[in-house]
N, C-alpha and C. Protein backbone atom coordinates (compact mmCIF):
# COMPACT_ATOMS: atom_id res chain seq x y z
N MET A 1 -23.63 7.45 -1.33
CA MET A 1 -23.71 6.24 -2.14
C MET A 1 -22.55 5.33 -1.81
N SER A 2 -22.81 4.04 -1.71
CA SER A 2 -21.74 3.09 -1.41
C SER A 2 -21.50 2.20 -2.62
N TYR A 3 -20.32 1.59 -2.63
CA TYR A 3 -19.94 0.73 -3.74
C TYR A 3 -19.55 -0.62 -3.17
N ALA A 4 -20.13 -1.67 -3.74
CA ALA A 4 -19.85 -3.02 -3.24
C ALA A 4 -18.79 -3.68 -4.10
N PRO A 5 -17.77 -4.31 -3.50
CA PRO A 5 -16.79 -5.03 -4.28
C PRO A 5 -17.45 -6.13 -5.10
N CYS A 6 -16.90 -6.38 -6.27
CA CYS A 6 -17.48 -7.41 -7.14
C CYS A 6 -16.35 -8.16 -7.81
N PRO A 7 -15.75 -9.18 -7.17
CA PRO A 7 -14.55 -9.81 -7.67
C PRO A 7 -14.76 -10.67 -8.91
N GLY A 8 -16.01 -10.95 -9.29
CA GLY A 8 -16.22 -11.85 -10.42
C GLY A 8 -16.47 -11.16 -11.73
N LEU A 9 -16.00 -9.94 -11.92
CA LEU A 9 -16.29 -9.20 -13.14
C LEU A 9 -15.57 -9.77 -14.34
N ASP A 10 -16.13 -9.47 -15.53
CA ASP A 10 -15.48 -9.79 -16.79
C ASP A 10 -14.09 -9.16 -16.80
N PRO A 11 -13.05 -9.88 -17.27
CA PRO A 11 -11.69 -9.33 -17.25
C PRO A 11 -11.53 -8.03 -18.02
N GLN A 12 -12.38 -7.79 -19.04
CA GLN A 12 -12.24 -6.58 -19.82
C GLN A 12 -12.57 -5.33 -19.02
N THR A 13 -13.29 -5.47 -17.91
CA THR A 13 -13.62 -4.30 -17.11
C THR A 13 -12.70 -4.15 -15.92
N ARG A 14 -11.65 -4.97 -15.83
CA ARG A 14 -10.75 -4.92 -14.70
C ARG A 14 -9.31 -4.76 -15.17
N SER A 15 -8.45 -4.25 -14.27
CA SER A 15 -7.04 -4.08 -14.59
C SER A 15 -6.25 -4.22 -13.31
N THR A 16 -4.92 -4.22 -13.42
CA THR A 16 -4.09 -4.21 -12.23
C THR A 16 -3.17 -3.01 -12.28
N ILE A 17 -2.94 -2.37 -11.12
CA ILE A 17 -1.96 -1.29 -11.07
C ILE A 17 -0.57 -1.89 -11.06
N HIS A 18 -0.33 -2.87 -10.23
CA HIS A 18 0.93 -3.58 -10.18
C HIS A 18 0.63 -5.08 -10.06
N GLN A 19 1.50 -5.88 -10.63
CA GLN A 19 1.29 -7.32 -10.59
C GLN A 19 1.18 -7.78 -9.14
N GLY A 20 0.18 -8.60 -8.88
CA GLY A 20 -0.02 -9.14 -7.56
C GLY A 20 -0.98 -8.35 -6.70
N GLU A 21 -1.36 -7.11 -7.13
CA GLU A 21 -2.29 -6.33 -6.36
C GLU A 21 -3.72 -6.71 -6.72
N ILE A 22 -4.67 -6.22 -5.95
CA ILE A 22 -6.07 -6.51 -6.17
C ILE A 22 -6.50 -6.04 -7.56
N MET A 23 -7.37 -6.81 -8.21
CA MET A 23 -7.90 -6.41 -9.50
C MET A 23 -8.78 -5.18 -9.33
N THR A 24 -8.69 -4.25 -10.26
CA THR A 24 -9.41 -3.00 -10.11
C THR A 24 -10.15 -2.64 -11.39
N ALA A 25 -11.17 -1.81 -11.27
CA ALA A 25 -11.94 -1.36 -12.42
C ALA A 25 -11.06 -0.51 -13.33
N THR A 26 -11.22 -0.66 -14.63
CA THR A 26 -10.44 0.10 -15.60
C THR A 26 -10.84 1.57 -15.59
N TYR A 27 -9.83 2.45 -15.61
CA TYR A 27 -10.06 3.89 -15.61
C TYR A 27 -9.54 4.47 -16.93
N THR A 28 -10.41 5.19 -17.66
CA THR A 28 -10.05 5.80 -18.94
C THR A 28 -10.09 7.32 -18.81
N PHE A 29 -8.99 7.96 -19.17
CA PHE A 29 -8.90 9.41 -19.28
C PHE A 29 -9.17 9.75 -20.73
N ASP A 30 -10.30 10.38 -21.00
CA ASP A 30 -10.82 10.63 -22.34
C ASP A 30 -10.75 12.13 -22.59
N VAL A 31 -10.01 12.55 -23.62
CA VAL A 31 -9.76 13.98 -23.79
C VAL A 31 -9.75 14.37 -25.27
N PHE A 32 -10.26 15.56 -25.56
CA PHE A 32 -10.19 16.16 -26.89
C PHE A 32 -9.00 17.12 -26.93
N THR A 33 -8.33 17.20 -28.09
CA THR A 33 -7.19 18.10 -28.20
C THR A 33 -6.99 18.58 -29.63
N SER A 34 -6.44 19.78 -29.78
CA SER A 34 -5.92 20.23 -31.07
C SER A 34 -4.61 19.50 -31.34
N LEU A 35 -4.11 19.60 -32.57
CA LEU A 35 -2.85 18.93 -32.90
C LEU A 35 -1.71 19.44 -32.03
N ASP A 36 -1.76 20.70 -31.63
CA ASP A 36 -0.68 21.27 -30.82
C ASP A 36 -0.95 21.17 -29.32
N GLY A 37 -1.89 20.32 -28.93
CA GLY A 37 -2.00 19.95 -27.53
C GLY A 37 -2.86 20.80 -26.64
N PHE A 38 -3.79 21.58 -27.22
CA PHE A 38 -4.67 22.41 -26.41
C PHE A 38 -6.07 21.79 -26.32
N GLY A 39 -6.65 21.88 -25.13
CA GLY A 39 -7.98 21.31 -24.94
C GLY A 39 -9.11 22.27 -25.26
N GLY A 40 -8.80 23.53 -25.49
CA GLY A 40 -9.82 24.52 -25.81
C GLY A 40 -9.19 25.74 -26.43
N VAL A 41 -10.00 26.76 -26.64
CA VAL A 41 -9.51 28.01 -27.23
C VAL A 41 -10.00 29.17 -26.38
N ALA A 42 -9.29 30.27 -26.47
CA ALA A 42 -9.59 31.45 -25.66
C ALA A 42 -10.60 32.37 -26.32
N THR A 43 -11.07 32.04 -27.54
CA THR A 43 -12.07 32.85 -28.24
C THR A 43 -13.22 31.95 -28.66
N ASP A 44 -14.31 32.57 -29.13
CA ASP A 44 -15.47 31.81 -29.60
C ASP A 44 -15.44 31.55 -31.10
N ASP A 45 -14.34 31.88 -31.76
CA ASP A 45 -14.29 31.81 -33.22
C ASP A 45 -14.45 30.39 -33.75
N TRP A 46 -13.90 29.41 -33.03
CA TRP A 46 -13.86 28.05 -33.56
C TRP A 46 -15.16 27.30 -33.37
N GLY A 47 -15.83 27.49 -32.25
CA GLY A 47 -17.02 26.69 -31.94
C GLY A 47 -16.65 25.36 -31.33
N GLY A 48 -17.65 24.61 -30.93
CA GLY A 48 -17.41 23.30 -30.34
C GLY A 48 -16.76 22.33 -31.31
N TYR A 49 -15.96 21.42 -30.79
CA TYR A 49 -15.20 20.46 -31.60
C TYR A 49 -14.29 21.17 -32.60
N TRP A 50 -13.98 22.42 -32.35
CA TRP A 50 -13.22 23.25 -33.30
C TRP A 50 -13.90 23.29 -34.68
N GLY A 51 -15.20 23.03 -34.72
CA GLY A 51 -15.95 23.06 -35.97
C GLY A 51 -15.70 21.88 -36.88
N LYS A 52 -15.08 20.81 -36.40
CA LYS A 52 -14.65 19.71 -37.26
C LYS A 52 -15.47 18.42 -37.08
N GLN A 53 -16.50 18.44 -36.23
CA GLN A 53 -17.24 17.20 -36.00
C GLN A 53 -18.01 16.76 -37.24
N GLY A 54 -18.20 15.44 -37.32
CA GLY A 54 -18.99 14.85 -38.39
C GLY A 54 -19.77 13.67 -37.84
N PRO A 55 -20.56 13.00 -38.68
CA PRO A 55 -21.42 11.91 -38.20
C PRO A 55 -20.66 10.74 -37.62
N GLU A 56 -19.48 10.41 -38.18
CA GLU A 56 -18.72 9.28 -37.64
C GLU A 56 -18.26 9.56 -36.22
N LEU A 57 -17.75 10.75 -35.98
CA LEU A 57 -17.31 11.10 -34.63
C LEU A 57 -18.47 11.01 -33.64
N LEU A 58 -19.60 11.62 -33.99
CA LEU A 58 -20.72 11.67 -33.06
C LEU A 58 -21.29 10.28 -32.81
N ASP A 59 -21.38 9.44 -33.84
CA ASP A 59 -21.86 8.07 -33.65
C ASP A 59 -20.89 7.27 -32.78
N HIS A 60 -19.60 7.45 -33.03
CA HIS A 60 -18.59 6.73 -32.25
C HIS A 60 -18.64 7.16 -30.79
N ARG A 61 -18.78 8.45 -30.54
CA ARG A 61 -18.85 8.93 -29.16
C ARG A 61 -20.06 8.35 -28.44
N LEU A 62 -21.19 8.30 -29.11
CA LEU A 62 -22.37 7.73 -28.49
C LEU A 62 -22.15 6.26 -28.17
N GLY A 63 -21.48 5.54 -29.07
CA GLY A 63 -21.18 4.13 -28.81
C GLY A 63 -20.30 3.93 -27.60
N LEU A 64 -19.33 4.84 -27.40
CA LEU A 64 -18.44 4.73 -26.24
C LEU A 64 -19.20 4.85 -24.93
N TYR A 65 -20.26 5.63 -24.93
CA TYR A 65 -20.97 5.92 -23.70
C TYR A 65 -22.23 5.08 -23.50
N ARG A 66 -22.53 4.19 -24.44
CA ARG A 66 -23.72 3.35 -24.29
C ARG A 66 -23.59 2.35 -23.16
N SER A 67 -22.39 1.79 -22.99
CA SER A 67 -22.22 0.76 -21.96
C SER A 67 -22.25 1.38 -20.57
N GLU A 68 -22.56 0.55 -19.58
CA GLU A 68 -22.61 1.02 -18.21
C GLU A 68 -21.20 1.37 -17.73
N GLN A 69 -21.05 2.52 -17.12
CA GLN A 69 -19.78 2.98 -16.59
C GLN A 69 -20.05 4.12 -15.62
N ARG A 70 -19.05 4.49 -14.86
CA ARG A 70 -19.17 5.61 -13.92
C ARG A 70 -18.25 6.72 -14.37
N MET A 71 -18.79 7.95 -14.47
CA MET A 71 -17.99 9.11 -14.80
C MET A 71 -17.30 9.63 -13.54
N VAL A 72 -16.11 10.21 -13.72
CA VAL A 72 -15.38 10.85 -12.63
C VAL A 72 -14.95 12.23 -13.11
N PHE A 73 -15.34 13.27 -12.39
CA PHE A 73 -15.03 14.64 -12.77
C PHE A 73 -14.39 15.38 -11.60
N GLY A 74 -13.52 16.33 -11.93
CA GLY A 74 -13.12 17.33 -10.96
C GLY A 74 -14.18 18.41 -10.88
N ALA A 75 -14.08 19.26 -9.86
CA ALA A 75 -15.11 20.28 -9.64
C ALA A 75 -15.20 21.26 -10.80
N ASN A 76 -14.07 21.70 -11.34
CA ASN A 76 -14.10 22.70 -12.40
C ASN A 76 -14.75 22.16 -13.67
N THR A 77 -14.45 20.92 -14.02
CA THR A 77 -15.06 20.33 -15.21
C THR A 77 -16.55 20.13 -15.00
N TYR A 78 -16.94 19.68 -13.82
CA TYR A 78 -18.37 19.55 -13.54
C TYR A 78 -19.07 20.90 -13.70
N ARG A 79 -18.50 21.95 -13.11
CA ARG A 79 -19.12 23.27 -13.21
C ARG A 79 -19.24 23.72 -14.66
N ALA A 80 -18.19 23.47 -15.46
CA ALA A 80 -18.22 23.88 -16.87
C ALA A 80 -19.33 23.15 -17.62
N PHE A 81 -19.44 21.83 -17.42
CA PHE A 81 -20.51 21.07 -18.06
C PHE A 81 -21.87 21.58 -17.62
N ALA A 82 -22.06 21.75 -16.32
CA ALA A 82 -23.36 22.17 -15.80
C ALA A 82 -23.75 23.54 -16.35
N GLN A 83 -22.80 24.48 -16.43
CA GLN A 83 -23.09 25.81 -16.94
C GLN A 83 -23.43 25.77 -18.43
N MET A 84 -22.65 25.00 -19.21
CA MET A 84 -22.93 24.92 -20.64
C MET A 84 -24.29 24.29 -20.90
N LEU A 85 -24.64 23.24 -20.17
CA LEU A 85 -25.92 22.59 -20.37
C LEU A 85 -27.07 23.49 -19.97
N ALA A 86 -26.89 24.22 -18.87
CA ALA A 86 -27.96 25.11 -18.41
C ALA A 86 -28.22 26.24 -19.39
N ALA A 87 -27.17 26.68 -20.09
CA ALA A 87 -27.30 27.81 -21.00
C ALA A 87 -27.65 27.39 -22.42
N SER A 88 -27.72 26.10 -22.70
CA SER A 88 -27.90 25.62 -24.07
C SER A 88 -29.36 25.32 -24.39
N SER A 89 -29.65 25.30 -25.68
CA SER A 89 -30.98 24.90 -26.16
C SER A 89 -30.95 23.43 -26.54
N GLU A 90 -32.12 22.87 -26.83
CA GLU A 90 -32.20 21.46 -27.21
C GLU A 90 -31.44 21.19 -28.49
N GLU A 91 -31.32 22.20 -29.37
CA GLU A 91 -30.65 22.02 -30.66
C GLU A 91 -29.14 22.22 -30.56
N SER A 92 -28.64 22.66 -29.43
CA SER A 92 -27.22 22.97 -29.29
C SER A 92 -26.38 21.70 -29.34
N GLU A 93 -25.14 21.83 -29.86
CA GLU A 93 -24.23 20.70 -29.89
C GLU A 93 -23.81 20.28 -28.47
N VAL A 94 -24.01 21.18 -27.50
CA VAL A 94 -23.75 20.81 -26.11
C VAL A 94 -24.66 19.67 -25.69
N ARG A 95 -25.79 19.52 -26.37
CA ARG A 95 -26.74 18.45 -26.07
C ARG A 95 -26.70 17.34 -27.12
N ASP A 96 -25.56 17.17 -27.78
CA ASP A 96 -25.40 16.03 -28.69
C ASP A 96 -25.74 14.74 -27.94
N PRO A 97 -26.23 13.70 -28.64
CA PRO A 97 -26.69 12.49 -27.95
C PRO A 97 -25.66 11.88 -27.00
N TRP A 98 -24.38 11.90 -27.37
CA TRP A 98 -23.40 11.28 -26.47
C TRP A 98 -23.24 12.09 -25.18
N VAL A 99 -23.39 13.42 -25.26
CA VAL A 99 -23.30 14.24 -24.06
C VAL A 99 -24.51 13.98 -23.16
N THR A 100 -25.68 13.86 -23.77
CA THR A 100 -26.89 13.55 -23.01
C THR A 100 -26.74 12.20 -22.31
N ARG A 101 -26.20 11.22 -23.04
CA ARG A 101 -25.99 9.91 -22.43
C ARG A 101 -24.98 10.00 -21.29
N MET A 102 -23.90 10.73 -21.49
CA MET A 102 -22.89 10.89 -20.44
C MET A 102 -23.52 11.51 -19.20
N ARG A 103 -24.37 12.49 -19.39
CA ARG A 103 -24.98 13.19 -18.26
C ARG A 103 -25.89 12.26 -17.45
N HIS A 104 -26.41 11.23 -18.07
CA HIS A 104 -27.31 10.32 -17.35
C HIS A 104 -26.60 9.08 -16.80
N LEU A 105 -25.28 9.02 -16.96
CA LEU A 105 -24.52 7.98 -16.29
C LEU A 105 -24.25 8.40 -14.85
N PRO A 106 -24.08 7.44 -13.94
CA PRO A 106 -23.69 7.81 -12.58
C PRO A 106 -22.33 8.52 -12.60
N ALA A 107 -22.17 9.49 -11.73
CA ALA A 107 -20.94 10.29 -11.73
C ALA A 107 -20.47 10.52 -10.31
N THR A 108 -19.16 10.51 -10.15
CA THR A 108 -18.52 10.92 -8.90
C THR A 108 -17.80 12.23 -9.16
N ILE A 109 -18.10 13.25 -8.38
CA ILE A 109 -17.46 14.55 -8.50
C ILE A 109 -16.49 14.70 -7.33
N VAL A 110 -15.20 14.81 -7.64
CA VAL A 110 -14.19 14.94 -6.59
C VAL A 110 -14.00 16.42 -6.30
N SER A 111 -14.36 16.85 -5.10
CA SER A 111 -14.32 18.27 -4.80
C SER A 111 -14.29 18.50 -3.29
N THR A 112 -13.57 19.53 -2.88
CA THR A 112 -13.59 19.95 -1.48
C THR A 112 -14.47 21.18 -1.28
N THR A 113 -15.07 21.68 -2.36
CA THR A 113 -15.86 22.91 -2.27
C THR A 113 -17.33 22.72 -2.64
N LEU A 114 -17.63 21.79 -3.55
CA LEU A 114 -19.01 21.59 -3.97
C LEU A 114 -19.81 20.87 -2.89
N GLU A 115 -21.09 21.19 -2.84
CA GLU A 115 -22.02 20.47 -1.99
C GLU A 115 -23.27 20.12 -2.80
N GLY A 116 -23.88 19.00 -2.48
CA GLY A 116 -25.09 18.61 -3.18
C GLY A 116 -26.29 19.38 -2.66
N PRO A 117 -27.45 19.26 -3.34
CA PRO A 117 -27.62 18.45 -4.55
C PRO A 117 -27.05 19.16 -5.78
N LEU A 118 -26.64 18.36 -6.76
CA LEU A 118 -26.06 18.90 -7.98
C LEU A 118 -27.04 18.79 -9.13
N ASP A 119 -26.82 19.62 -10.15
CA ASP A 119 -27.66 19.58 -11.34
C ASP A 119 -27.15 18.49 -12.29
N TRP A 120 -27.22 17.27 -11.82
CA TRP A 120 -26.77 16.09 -12.57
C TRP A 120 -27.62 14.94 -12.05
N PRO A 121 -28.25 14.16 -12.93
CA PRO A 121 -29.25 13.20 -12.46
C PRO A 121 -28.77 12.21 -11.41
N ASP A 122 -27.52 11.74 -11.50
CA ASP A 122 -27.05 10.71 -10.57
C ASP A 122 -25.59 11.00 -10.21
N ALA A 123 -25.38 12.08 -9.48
CA ALA A 123 -24.01 12.49 -9.13
C ALA A 123 -23.83 12.47 -7.62
N THR A 124 -22.63 12.07 -7.21
CA THR A 124 -22.25 12.06 -5.81
C THR A 124 -20.98 12.88 -5.64
N VAL A 125 -20.97 13.81 -4.70
CA VAL A 125 -19.77 14.59 -4.40
C VAL A 125 -18.96 13.83 -3.36
N VAL A 126 -17.67 13.64 -3.64
CA VAL A 126 -16.77 12.99 -2.70
C VAL A 126 -15.64 13.96 -2.40
N SER A 127 -15.47 14.30 -1.14
CA SER A 127 -14.41 15.21 -0.73
C SER A 127 -13.15 14.43 -0.41
N GLY A 128 -12.00 14.98 -0.82
CA GLY A 128 -10.75 14.31 -0.52
C GLY A 128 -9.77 14.42 -1.66
N ASP A 129 -8.61 13.86 -1.48
CA ASP A 129 -7.58 13.84 -2.51
C ASP A 129 -8.02 12.94 -3.65
N ALA A 130 -7.90 13.43 -4.90
CA ALA A 130 -8.40 12.67 -6.04
C ALA A 130 -7.72 11.31 -6.18
N VAL A 131 -6.42 11.25 -5.88
CA VAL A 131 -5.71 9.97 -5.98
C VAL A 131 -6.31 8.94 -5.03
N GLU A 132 -6.58 9.36 -3.80
CA GLU A 132 -7.17 8.44 -2.83
C GLU A 132 -8.59 8.06 -3.21
N VAL A 133 -9.37 9.04 -3.68
CA VAL A 133 -10.76 8.77 -4.05
C VAL A 133 -10.81 7.79 -5.21
N VAL A 134 -10.01 8.02 -6.25
CA VAL A 134 -10.07 7.16 -7.44
C VAL A 134 -9.47 5.79 -7.15
N ALA A 135 -8.43 5.73 -6.35
CA ALA A 135 -7.88 4.41 -5.97
C ALA A 135 -8.96 3.58 -5.28
N ARG A 136 -9.75 4.20 -4.43
CA ARG A 136 -10.82 3.47 -3.76
C ARG A 136 -11.92 3.08 -4.74
N LEU A 137 -12.28 4.00 -5.64
CA LEU A 137 -13.29 3.68 -6.65
C LEU A 137 -12.85 2.50 -7.52
N LYS A 138 -11.59 2.49 -7.92
CA LYS A 138 -11.09 1.41 -8.76
C LYS A 138 -11.20 0.05 -8.06
N GLU A 139 -11.00 0.04 -6.76
CA GLU A 139 -11.11 -1.21 -6.02
C GLU A 139 -12.56 -1.65 -5.83
N GLU A 140 -13.48 -0.69 -5.73
CA GLU A 140 -14.84 -1.01 -5.31
C GLU A 140 -15.88 -0.97 -6.42
N SER A 141 -15.61 -0.25 -7.52
CA SER A 141 -16.62 -0.09 -8.55
C SER A 141 -16.85 -1.39 -9.32
N ASP A 142 -18.11 -1.68 -9.60
CA ASP A 142 -18.42 -2.88 -10.40
C ASP A 142 -18.61 -2.56 -11.87
N VAL A 143 -18.29 -1.32 -12.29
CA VAL A 143 -18.31 -0.93 -13.70
C VAL A 143 -17.04 -0.14 -13.99
N PRO A 144 -16.62 -0.06 -15.27
CA PRO A 144 -15.45 0.75 -15.62
C PRO A 144 -15.66 2.22 -15.26
N LEU A 145 -14.56 2.93 -15.10
CA LEU A 145 -14.57 4.35 -14.79
C LEU A 145 -14.06 5.14 -15.99
N ARG A 146 -14.64 6.32 -16.21
CA ARG A 146 -14.23 7.17 -17.34
C ARG A 146 -14.28 8.62 -16.91
N SER A 147 -13.31 9.39 -17.36
CA SER A 147 -13.29 10.82 -17.09
C SER A 147 -13.06 11.57 -18.38
N HIS A 148 -13.94 12.53 -18.67
CA HIS A 148 -13.77 13.38 -19.86
C HIS A 148 -13.35 14.76 -19.40
N GLY A 149 -12.17 15.21 -19.82
CA GLY A 149 -11.65 16.50 -19.35
C GLY A 149 -10.97 16.35 -18.01
N SER A 150 -11.25 17.29 -17.06
CA SER A 150 -10.66 17.25 -15.72
C SER A 150 -9.14 17.10 -15.81
N LEU A 151 -8.50 18.05 -16.46
CA LEU A 151 -7.10 17.89 -16.86
C LEU A 151 -6.14 17.77 -15.69
N SER A 152 -6.20 18.71 -14.75
CA SER A 152 -5.23 18.65 -13.66
C SER A 152 -5.45 17.40 -12.80
N MET A 153 -6.70 17.03 -12.57
CA MET A 153 -6.97 15.82 -11.80
C MET A 153 -6.40 14.60 -12.49
N ASN A 154 -6.61 14.50 -13.79
CA ASN A 154 -6.16 13.31 -14.50
C ASN A 154 -4.65 13.26 -14.69
N ARG A 155 -3.99 14.40 -14.75
CA ARG A 155 -2.53 14.39 -14.76
C ARG A 155 -2.00 13.79 -13.45
N ALA A 156 -2.64 14.16 -12.34
CA ALA A 156 -2.22 13.59 -11.05
C ALA A 156 -2.52 12.09 -10.98
N LEU A 157 -3.64 11.67 -11.53
CA LEU A 157 -3.98 10.25 -11.52
C LEU A 157 -3.03 9.45 -12.40
N MET A 158 -2.61 10.01 -13.53
CA MET A 158 -1.63 9.33 -14.37
C MET A 158 -0.32 9.17 -13.63
N ALA A 159 0.12 10.22 -12.95
CA ALA A 159 1.38 10.14 -12.20
C ALA A 159 1.32 9.09 -11.11
N ALA A 160 0.12 8.86 -10.57
CA ALA A 160 -0.06 7.86 -9.51
C ALA A 160 -0.27 6.46 -10.06
N GLY A 161 -0.28 6.30 -11.38
CA GLY A 161 -0.45 4.98 -11.98
C GLY A 161 -1.87 4.48 -11.98
N LEU A 162 -2.85 5.38 -11.90
CA LEU A 162 -4.24 4.97 -11.80
C LEU A 162 -4.99 5.03 -13.13
N VAL A 163 -4.39 5.59 -14.16
CA VAL A 163 -5.03 5.67 -15.48
C VAL A 163 -4.59 4.48 -16.32
N ASP A 164 -5.55 3.65 -16.72
CA ASP A 164 -5.26 2.46 -17.51
C ASP A 164 -5.27 2.75 -19.01
N ARG A 165 -6.14 3.67 -19.42
CA ARG A 165 -6.29 3.99 -20.85
C ARG A 165 -6.33 5.50 -21.01
N LEU A 166 -5.47 6.00 -21.87
CA LEU A 166 -5.45 7.42 -22.24
C LEU A 166 -6.03 7.52 -23.64
N GLN A 167 -7.24 8.04 -23.76
CA GLN A 167 -7.95 8.10 -25.04
C GLN A 167 -7.93 9.54 -25.54
N VAL A 168 -7.15 9.78 -26.59
CA VAL A 168 -6.93 11.13 -27.09
C VAL A 168 -7.58 11.26 -28.46
N THR A 169 -8.52 12.19 -28.59
CA THR A 169 -9.13 12.49 -29.88
C THR A 169 -8.51 13.78 -30.39
N ILE A 170 -7.79 13.68 -31.52
CA ILE A 170 -7.03 14.81 -32.06
C ILE A 170 -7.80 15.42 -33.22
N PHE A 171 -8.16 16.69 -33.08
CA PHE A 171 -8.87 17.40 -34.14
C PHE A 171 -7.88 18.11 -35.05
N PRO A 172 -8.18 18.18 -36.35
CA PRO A 172 -7.21 18.68 -37.33
C PRO A 172 -7.12 20.21 -37.34
N VAL A 173 -6.62 20.76 -36.25
CA VAL A 173 -6.42 22.20 -36.14
C VAL A 173 -5.13 22.47 -35.37
N ILE A 174 -4.52 23.61 -35.63
CA ILE A 174 -3.42 24.14 -34.83
C ILE A 174 -3.89 25.47 -34.28
N THR A 175 -3.82 25.61 -32.96
CA THR A 175 -4.37 26.81 -32.31
C THR A 175 -3.27 27.56 -31.58
N GLY A 176 -2.17 27.80 -32.30
CA GLY A 176 -1.01 28.43 -31.67
C GLY A 176 -1.28 29.81 -31.12
N GLN A 177 -2.24 30.54 -31.70
CA GLN A 177 -2.56 31.89 -31.24
C GLN A 177 -3.70 31.92 -30.23
N THR A 178 -4.61 30.97 -30.30
CA THR A 178 -5.81 31.03 -29.48
C THR A 178 -5.96 29.83 -28.55
N GLY A 179 -5.01 28.90 -28.56
CA GLY A 179 -5.14 27.70 -27.75
C GLY A 179 -5.19 27.98 -26.26
N ASP A 180 -6.02 27.19 -25.56
CA ASP A 180 -6.18 27.35 -24.12
C ASP A 180 -6.22 25.96 -23.49
N ASP A 181 -5.87 25.87 -22.22
CA ASP A 181 -5.88 24.59 -21.48
C ASP A 181 -4.95 23.55 -22.10
N PRO A 182 -3.64 23.75 -22.03
CA PRO A 182 -2.71 22.72 -22.52
C PRO A 182 -2.97 21.40 -21.80
N ILE A 183 -3.16 20.34 -22.57
CA ILE A 183 -3.58 19.05 -22.00
C ILE A 183 -2.55 18.52 -21.01
N PHE A 184 -1.29 18.55 -21.36
CA PHE A 184 -0.27 17.91 -20.53
C PHE A 184 0.71 18.90 -19.90
N ARG A 185 0.29 20.15 -19.72
CA ARG A 185 1.15 21.14 -19.07
C ARG A 185 1.45 20.69 -17.64
N GLY A 186 2.73 20.57 -17.32
CA GLY A 186 3.13 20.17 -15.98
C GLY A 186 3.03 18.70 -15.69
N ALA A 187 2.73 17.89 -16.71
CA ALA A 187 2.60 16.44 -16.49
C ALA A 187 3.97 15.81 -16.27
N ALA A 188 3.96 14.63 -15.68
CA ALA A 188 5.18 13.83 -15.56
C ALA A 188 5.56 13.28 -16.94
N ASP A 189 6.67 12.57 -17.01
CA ASP A 189 7.09 11.91 -18.25
C ASP A 189 6.49 10.51 -18.30
N PHE A 190 5.97 10.14 -19.50
CA PHE A 190 5.33 8.84 -19.65
C PHE A 190 5.79 8.16 -20.93
N ASP A 191 5.90 6.86 -20.88
CA ASP A 191 5.97 6.03 -22.07
C ASP A 191 4.56 5.59 -22.40
N LEU A 192 4.22 5.57 -23.71
CA LEU A 192 2.86 5.24 -24.13
C LEU A 192 2.88 4.04 -25.06
N GLU A 193 2.02 3.08 -24.76
CA GLU A 193 1.84 1.92 -25.63
C GLU A 193 0.53 2.08 -26.39
N LEU A 194 0.60 2.16 -27.71
CA LEU A 194 -0.60 2.33 -28.53
C LEU A 194 -1.38 1.03 -28.57
N ILE A 195 -2.65 1.06 -28.13
CA ILE A 195 -3.45 -0.16 -28.14
C ILE A 195 -4.65 -0.09 -29.08
N GLU A 196 -5.03 1.13 -29.51
CA GLU A 196 -6.11 1.29 -30.49
C GLU A 196 -5.87 2.57 -31.27
N SER A 197 -6.33 2.59 -32.53
CA SER A 197 -6.31 3.83 -33.30
C SER A 197 -7.40 3.77 -34.36
N ARG A 198 -7.95 4.93 -34.68
CA ARG A 198 -8.96 4.99 -35.73
C ARG A 198 -9.03 6.41 -36.27
N THR A 199 -9.53 6.53 -37.51
CA THR A 199 -9.76 7.82 -38.14
C THR A 199 -11.26 8.00 -38.32
N LEU A 200 -11.75 9.18 -37.96
CA LEU A 200 -13.18 9.47 -38.01
C LEU A 200 -13.41 10.69 -38.89
N ASP A 201 -14.41 10.62 -39.75
CA ASP A 201 -14.75 11.74 -40.63
C ASP A 201 -13.53 12.23 -41.40
N ALA A 202 -12.70 11.28 -41.83
CA ALA A 202 -11.56 11.51 -42.73
C ALA A 202 -10.33 12.12 -42.08
N ASP A 203 -10.48 13.02 -41.09
CA ASP A 203 -9.28 13.69 -40.59
C ASP A 203 -9.26 13.91 -39.08
N ILE A 204 -10.16 13.29 -38.34
CA ILE A 204 -10.10 13.29 -36.87
C ILE A 204 -9.49 11.96 -36.45
N THR A 205 -8.51 12.00 -35.58
CA THR A 205 -7.79 10.79 -35.17
C THR A 205 -8.03 10.50 -33.70
N GLU A 206 -8.39 9.25 -33.42
CA GLU A 206 -8.50 8.81 -32.02
C GLU A 206 -7.40 7.80 -31.74
N LEU A 207 -6.62 8.06 -30.70
CA LEU A 207 -5.54 7.18 -30.29
C LEU A 207 -5.77 6.77 -28.85
N VAL A 208 -5.66 5.48 -28.57
CA VAL A 208 -5.83 4.98 -27.21
C VAL A 208 -4.51 4.36 -26.78
N TYR A 209 -3.98 4.85 -25.68
CA TYR A 209 -2.68 4.41 -25.19
C TYR A 209 -2.81 3.78 -23.80
N ARG A 210 -1.86 2.94 -23.47
CA ARG A 210 -1.65 2.49 -22.10
C ARG A 210 -0.46 3.28 -21.57
N PRO A 211 -0.69 4.23 -20.64
CA PRO A 211 0.43 5.05 -20.15
C PRO A 211 1.23 4.36 -19.06
N ARG A 212 2.51 4.61 -19.05
CA ARG A 212 3.38 4.07 -18.02
C ARG A 212 4.40 5.13 -17.64
N LEU A 213 4.50 5.44 -16.37
CA LEU A 213 5.42 6.47 -15.91
C LEU A 213 6.83 6.13 -16.36
N HIS A 214 7.51 7.10 -16.97
CA HIS A 214 8.84 6.87 -17.50
C HIS A 214 9.87 6.81 -16.37
N ARG A 215 10.66 5.78 -16.40
CA ARG A 215 11.73 5.62 -15.40
C ARG A 215 13.06 5.79 -16.09
N ALA A 216 13.83 6.77 -15.71
CA ALA A 216 15.13 7.03 -16.33
C ALA A 216 16.11 5.92 -16.02
């Protein structure tokens, strides 16, 4: 699949990495976390969303994914999504409407090991360094880019200055004994500018930041 440059896009879908450089598509790193910074748990006791989802969260998530955009995943996150979807029933929360919508958006899978065809309606595997792949996508994509999960890949993209929006949904749990996948383990230091915030279902918090690599 090829991507054609589109210099006349609405400014809301474009950003700059550094002043004076070419305008690029906005990239959002979208992640769920416990209050103590874990993206998952090592047991099945909690369930999806740590058991805290409600109608406001699910409606809001569907709204985020309604607009045209391109998903970007690392290989491990793609495999996890594909396995969960394959093993789930129609009634499972794995098939919540926003997840179904996400699955039907075009996706780029950055991987040196996967080969197509993939169990994803409109996915393209791109081999190479994630920083180089996403830098090229940002220059060429005519729609915003979004990544849900893919922690190690997105930590590298943040360090490279390629993440424009860090969207963190904080669930009201502490998983000190069972927490798995620390969101920012091994990340660089960043200053964060809060640009949006909201509360969903009374106690779930969504914070959207503009990250900037911290310079001592």
